Amino acid sequence: MSQPSINQAKMTPEMLRAADLMSAAAMNVLTDDEVSELASLKATLAAQGVDLGLLAENADRLVGEALVAMAASDALGSGAAMPEEARERLVSLGVRLVAPPVPIHISRDRVVAGSRSGSGGWLGWTVAAAASILATMGWLRQPVGRSDIPIPVADQRRSLINEQGTLVLEWASGPDPAGKSIKGDIVWNNSLQKGFLRLQGAAANDPTREQYQLWIFDDKRAEYPVDGGVFDFAAPDPSTGEILIPIDAKLKVFDPSLFAVTIEQANGVVVTKKDRIVAVAKAKP
């Protein structure tokens, strides 16, 4: 059974804003304020039961569709000119993700100042445009080369390894006994803000009592490491004995120097005490 995707009809303004920020994060163009905004939106949407992983997987497509809808609305003479920043995002996103059945000529002779940030910016009014234009006119074809069948995590990891600037770092056991037999590696691409954790040999944990948590130590965030997400070592792959999970960095990582796995209370902590370190991987000497 294929994994369901998210479509424009199901989007709320908060979801579309989060998708926009996730898309921008993948291109490494978030400001510090937007990093904080995205973290807040993730917490809000998670509390509402929104599948953040699914939203992130569909982020480029959702924003691309909204932008194409805006271009269509502009081309149809709605009277609301498409802001220049939206046009540029459409060029960078839409060209590789969407293929309109008829050309949409995006001229640069009409420039309207706008900002991505805030509900009053151009993104705040794309929801209605996307819902009405896409529903009534069918401007979009199926995105070329995309499907609702999820790409296996192992394939995503292999693809990321081939990207320029990707780090592949071997785990070393930490001082905590639970990590004495740990093996595996961490794959991280700082430009894409994306990575994967591969681990084997860790002690099985009871998720109701404690969980493993990944931390990314950033030389430009010297006070506290970045939370990379919590996970369990309860059902490793029977053929390899390992787990392979995407990294969920809660903040933008600027200059990673060290990755570490600790054991924390169930659901993780905001700040680790560093008293149960089971694995470390150095990004710098």
Protein backbone atom coordinates (compact mmCIF):
# COMPACT_ATOMS: atom_id res chain seq x y z
CA MET A 1 0.00 0.00 0.00
CA SER A 2 1.38 3.40 -0.96
CA GLN A 3 1.85 6.08 1.66
CA PRO A 4 -0.76 8.84 1.44
CA SER A 5 0.35 12.27 0.35
CA ILE A 6 -0.85 15.69 1.44
CA ASN A 7 -2.84 17.76 -1.04
CA GLN A 8 -3.72 21.44 -1.16
CA ALA A 9 -7.33 20.83 -0.08
CA LYS A 10 -6.11 19.52 3.29
CA MET A 11 -3.73 22.40 3.92
CA THR A 12 -4.21 25.01 6.63
CA PRO A 13 -2.32 28.32 6.56
CA GLU A 14 -0.08 27.00 9.35
CA MET A 15 0.70 23.83 7.39
CA LEU A 16 1.48 25.77 4.21
CA ARG A 17 3.69 28.19 6.13
CA ALA A 18 5.54 25.23 7.69
CA ALA A 19 5.89 23.62 4.25
CA ASP A 20 7.34 26.86 2.89
CA LEU A 21 9.88 27.04 5.71
CA MET A 22 10.76 23.34 5.33
CA SER A 23 11.32 23.89 1.62
CA ALA A 24 13.49 26.94 2.31
CA ALA A 25 15.43 25.01 4.98
CA ALA A 26 16.29 22.36 2.40
CA MET A 27 17.83 25.13 0.29
CA ASN A 28 19.64 26.52 3.35
CA VAL A 29 18.07 29.98 3.10
CA LEU A 30 16.32 30.31 6.46
CA THR A 31 17.02 33.28 8.70
CA ASP A 32 17.47 32.75 12.45
CA ASP A 33 13.96 34.12 13.06
CA GLU A 34 12.53 31.66 10.53
CA VAL A 35 14.40 28.77 12.16
CA SER A 36 12.66 29.66 15.44
CA GLU A 37 9.33 30.10 13.67
CA LEU A 38 9.62 26.67 12.06
CA ALA A 39 10.43 25.03 15.39
CA SER A 40 7.34 26.67 16.92
CA LEU A 41 5.14 25.63 13.99
CA LYS A 42 6.39 22.04 14.22
CA ALA A 43 5.42 21.90 17.88
CA THR A 44 1.98 23.36 17.16
CA LEU A 45 1.27 21.06 14.22
CA ALA A 46 2.55 18.00 16.07
CA ALA A 47 0.11 18.78 18.89
CA GLN A 48 -2.65 18.89 16.26
CA GLY A 49 -1.70 15.43 15.04
CA VAL A 50 -0.12 16.57 11.74
CA ASP A 51 2.40 14.10 10.28
CA LEU A 52 5.47 16.34 10.11
CA GLY A 53 7.50 13.76 8.21
CA LEU A 54 4.85 13.54 5.51
CA LEU A 55 4.56 17.32 5.39
CA ALA A 56 8.34 17.64 4.95
CA GLU A 57 8.37 15.02 2.19
CA ASN A 58 5.68 16.95 0.30
CA ALA A 59 6.93 20.46 1.15
CA ASP A 60 8.48 21.33 -2.22
CA ARG A 61 5.47 20.04 -4.15
CA LEU A 62 2.92 21.83 -1.97
CA VAL A 63 4.73 25.17 -2.18
CA GLY A 64 5.33 24.67 -5.89
CA GLU A 65 1.63 24.02 -6.49
CA ALA A 66 0.66 27.08 -4.47
CA LEU A 67 3.08 29.21 -6.46
CA VAL A 68 1.84 27.87 -9.78
CA ALA A 69 -1.71 28.61 -8.62
CA MET A 70 -0.63 32.15 -7.83
CA ALA A 71 0.95 32.48 -11.28
CA ALA A 72 -2.25 31.16 -12.83
CA SER A 73 -4.33 33.63 -10.86
CA ASP A 74 -2.04 36.44 -12.00
CA ALA A 75 -2.16 35.28 -15.63
CA LEU A 76 -5.95 35.15 -15.51
CA GLY A 77 -6.11 38.82 -14.56
CA SER A 78 -7.21 38.49 -10.95
CA GLY A 79 -5.82 41.95 -10.27
CA ALA A 80 -3.37 40.68 -7.63
CA ALA A 81 0.11 40.81 -9.11
CA MET A 82 2.44 37.98 -8.20
CA PRO A 83 5.28 39.37 -6.04
CA GLU A 84 8.80 39.14 -7.42
CA GLU A 85 9.98 36.85 -4.62
CA ALA A 86 7.18 34.42 -5.40
CA ARG A 87 8.20 34.44 -9.06
CA GLU A 88 11.78 33.61 -8.11
CA ARG A 89 10.63 30.78 -5.83
CA LEU A 90 8.49 29.44 -8.68
CA VAL A 91 11.52 29.40 -10.94
CA SER A 92 13.62 27.53 -8.37
CA LEU A 93 10.87 25.14 -7.26
CA GLY A 94 8.34 24.87 -10.04
CA VAL A 95 10.73 24.26 -12.91
CA ARG A 96 11.91 20.99 -11.38
CA LEU A 97 8.71 19.91 -9.65
CA VAL A 98 5.72 20.93 -11.75
CA ALA A 99 4.93 21.04 -15.45
CA PRO A 100 1.87 23.12 -16.41
CA PRO A 101 -0.03 21.83 -19.47
CA VAL A 102 0.24 25.28 -21.05
CA PRO A 103 3.11 27.73 -20.60
CA ILE A 104 2.81 30.28 -17.82
CA HIS A 105 4.83 33.28 -18.92
CA ILE A 106 6.29 34.93 -15.86
CA SER A 107 7.38 38.39 -16.88
CA ARG A 108 9.48 40.58 -14.63
CA ASP A 109 7.96 43.90 -15.63
CA ARG A 110 5.67 44.00 -12.60
CA VAL A 111 7.42 43.97 -9.27
CA VAL A 112 5.54 44.11 -5.98
CA ALA A 113 7.51 44.14 -2.76
CA GLY A 114 6.69 41.35 -0.34
CA SER A 115 8.07 39.19 2.43
CA ARG A 116 7.99 35.46 3.03
CA SER A 117 7.63 36.02 6.74
CA GLY A 118 4.38 36.61 8.57
CA SER A 119 0.73 35.94 7.80
CA GLY A 120 0.47 39.26 5.95
CA GLY A 121 3.08 38.29 3.34
CA TRP A 122 2.47 36.77 -0.07
CA LEU A 123 2.31 33.22 1.28
CA GLY A 124 -0.62 34.13 3.52
CA TRP A 125 -2.96 34.47 0.56
CA THR A 126 -1.76 31.55 -1.61
CA VAL A 127 -4.04 29.06 0.17
CA ALA A 128 -7.22 30.42 -1.38
CA ALA A 129 -5.57 30.83 -4.77
CA ALA A 130 -4.25 27.29 -4.73
CA ALA A 131 -7.55 25.80 -3.61
CA SER A 132 -9.70 27.63 -6.17
CA ILE A 133 -7.44 27.71 -9.22
CA LEU A 134 -6.16 24.14 -8.92
CA ALA A 135 -9.62 22.76 -8.19
CA THR A 136 -11.42 24.51 -11.05
CA MET A 137 -8.82 24.65 -13.81
CA GLY A 138 -6.48 21.69 -13.27
CA TRP A 139 -3.38 23.69 -14.11
CA LEU A 140 -1.00 21.02 -12.86
CA ARG A 141 0.04 17.77 -14.39
CA GLN A 142 1.44 15.07 -12.15
CA PRO A 143 4.94 16.23 -11.17
CA VAL A 144 7.45 14.58 -13.46
CA GLY A 145 9.45 11.84 -11.78
CA ARG A 146 7.51 11.97 -8.50
CA SER A 147 5.02 9.54 -7.02
CA ASP A 148 3.26 8.89 -3.76
CA ILE A 149 5.33 5.76 -3.21
CA PRO A 150 7.85 6.68 -0.51
CA ILE A 151 11.55 6.30 -1.30
CA PRO A 152 13.14 3.77 1.09
CA VAL A 153 15.28 5.39 3.76
CA ALA A 154 18.28 3.31 2.70
CA ASP A 155 17.99 4.67 -0.85
CA GLN A 156 17.66 8.23 0.46
CA ARG A 157 20.82 7.72 2.52
CA ARG A 158 22.79 6.39 -0.47
CA SER A 159 21.63 9.33 -2.57
CA LEU A 160 22.69 11.81 0.12
CA ILE A 161 26.15 10.23 0.37
CA ASN A 162 26.65 11.10 -3.30
CA GLU A 163 25.81 14.78 -2.72
CA GLN A 164 28.67 17.26 -2.57
CA GLY A 165 29.73 18.13 0.98
CA THR A 166 28.18 15.10 2.67
CA LEU A 167 29.99 13.84 5.78
CA VAL A 168 30.10 10.12 6.61
CA LEU A 169 31.36 9.66 10.17
CA GLU A 170 31.89 6.39 12.02
CA TRP A 171 30.45 6.01 15.51
CA ALA A 172 32.79 5.38 18.44
CA SER A 173 31.49 3.94 21.71
CA GLY A 174 30.81 6.40 24.49
CA PRO A 175 31.44 5.89 28.20
CA ASP A 176 27.95 4.54 28.95
CA PRO A 177 27.86 0.69 29.04
CA ALA A 178 24.82 0.64 26.73
CA GLY A 179 27.11 1.76 23.91
CA LYS A 180 30.03 -0.63 24.39
CA SER A 181 29.15 -2.64 21.25
CA ILE A 182 27.88 0.21 19.10
CA LYS A 183 28.81 0.37 15.42
CA GLY A 184 27.51 2.32 12.43
CA ASP A 185 27.81 5.82 11.09
CA ILE A 186 26.13 9.16 10.69
CA VAL A 187 25.60 10.78 7.30
CA TRP A 188 25.07 14.56 7.28
CA ASN A 189 24.95 17.22 4.59
CA ASN A 190 25.06 20.67 6.12
CA SER A 191 24.04 22.53 2.97
CA LEU A 192 20.90 20.42 2.68
CA GLN A 193 20.39 20.24 6.46
CA LYS A 194 19.68 16.55 6.02
CA GLY A 195 21.15 13.35 7.36
CA PHE A 196 20.70 9.78 8.52
CA LEU A 197 21.76 7.82 11.57
CA ARG A 198 22.79 4.16 11.19
CA LEU A 199 23.33 2.21 14.38
CA GLN A 200 23.84 -1.38 15.44
CA GLY A 201 24.87 -3.05 18.67
CA ALA A 202 23.05 -0.67 21.01
CA ALA A 203 21.23 -2.02 24.05
CA ALA A 204 17.47 -2.36 23.59
CA ASN A 205 15.56 0.34 25.45
CA ASP A 206 12.13 0.49 27.08
CA PRO A 207 10.43 3.44 25.30
CA THR A 208 8.12 4.02 28.27
CA ARG A 209 11.12 4.75 30.49
CA GLU A 210 13.98 5.99 28.35
CA GLN A 211 14.93 6.73 24.76
CA TYR A 212 18.02 7.41 22.72
CA GLN A 213 18.52 10.99 21.58
CA LEU A 214 20.83 12.44 18.93
CA TRP A 215 22.70 15.69 19.53
CA ILE A 216 24.57 17.86 17.03
CA PHE A 217 27.26 20.05 18.55
CA ASP A 218 27.56 23.26 16.55
CA ASP A 219 30.59 25.54 16.93
CA LYS A 220 28.32 28.52 16.25
CA ARG A 221 25.88 27.43 18.96
CA ALA A 222 28.48 26.90 21.66
CA GLU A 223 26.14 26.84 24.65
CA TYR A 224 23.86 23.90 23.81
CA PRO A 225 23.87 21.17 21.15
CA VAL A 226 21.04 20.93 18.63
CA ASP A 227 18.42 18.25 19.29
CA GLY A 228 18.55 15.75 16.41
CA GLY A 229 15.53 13.70 17.49
CA VAL A 230 14.69 10.77 19.76
CA PHE A 231 14.55 7.14 18.71
CA ASP A 232 14.37 3.59 20.02
CA PHE A 233 16.58 0.57 19.53
CA ALA A 234 13.86 -2.02 19.91
CA ALA A 235 13.34 -3.63 16.49
CA PRO A 236 16.51 -3.52 14.37
CA ASP A 237 16.53 -4.93 10.85
CA PRO A 238 16.73 -8.72 11.29
CA SER A 239 19.13 -9.08 8.36
CA THR A 240 21.62 -6.40 9.42
CA GLY A 241 20.92 -5.89 13.12
CA GLU A 242 20.85 -2.14 12.57
CA ILE A 243 18.43 0.76 12.61
CA LEU A 244 18.44 3.52 10.02
CA ILE A 245 16.53 6.72 10.72
CA PRO A 246 16.40 10.28 9.30
CA ILE A 247 17.86 13.03 11.45
CA ASP A 248 15.28 15.53 12.70
CA ALA A 249 17.33 18.61 13.63
CA LYS A 250 15.13 21.00 15.61
CA LEU A 251 17.29 24.02 14.71
CA LYS A 252 19.49 24.96 11.80
CA VAL A 253 23.01 23.58 12.08
CA PHE A 254 25.72 26.03 11.04
CA ASP A 255 29.08 24.41 11.80
CA PRO A 256 28.83 20.83 13.12
CA SER A 257 31.83 19.60 15.10
CA LEU A 258 30.51 16.54 16.93
CA PHE A 259 27.53 14.19 16.86
CA ALA A 260 26.56 12.26 19.98
CA VAL A 261 23.90 9.79 21.09
CA THR A 262 22.71 9.84 24.68
CA ILE A 263 20.13 7.99 26.74
CA GLU A 264 17.46 10.31 28.09
CA GLN A 265 14.02 10.08 29.66
CA ALA A 266 11.08 9.02 27.47
CA ASN A 267 10.30 11.63 24.77
CA GLY A 268 13.73 13.17 25.18
CA VAL A 269 14.93 16.38 26.80
CA VAL A 270 15.51 19.94 25.66
CA VAL A 271 19.00 20.11 27.17
CA THR A 272 21.08 17.00 27.79
CA LYS A 273 23.10 16.54 30.99
CA LYS A 274 25.61 14.50 28.95
CA ASP A 275 25.76 11.91 31.74
CA ARG A 276 24.82 8.91 29.55
CA ILE A 277 26.72 9.22 26.28
CA VAL A 278 26.62 5.98 24.30
CA ALA A 279 28.19 7.02 20.98
CA VAL A 280 30.16 9.92 19.48
CA ALA A 281 31.28 10.85 15.96
CA LYS A 282 33.69 13.72 15.43
CA ALA A 283 33.21 15.99 12.42
CA LYS A 284 36.43 17.86 13.21
CA PRO A 285 39.82 16.71 14.56
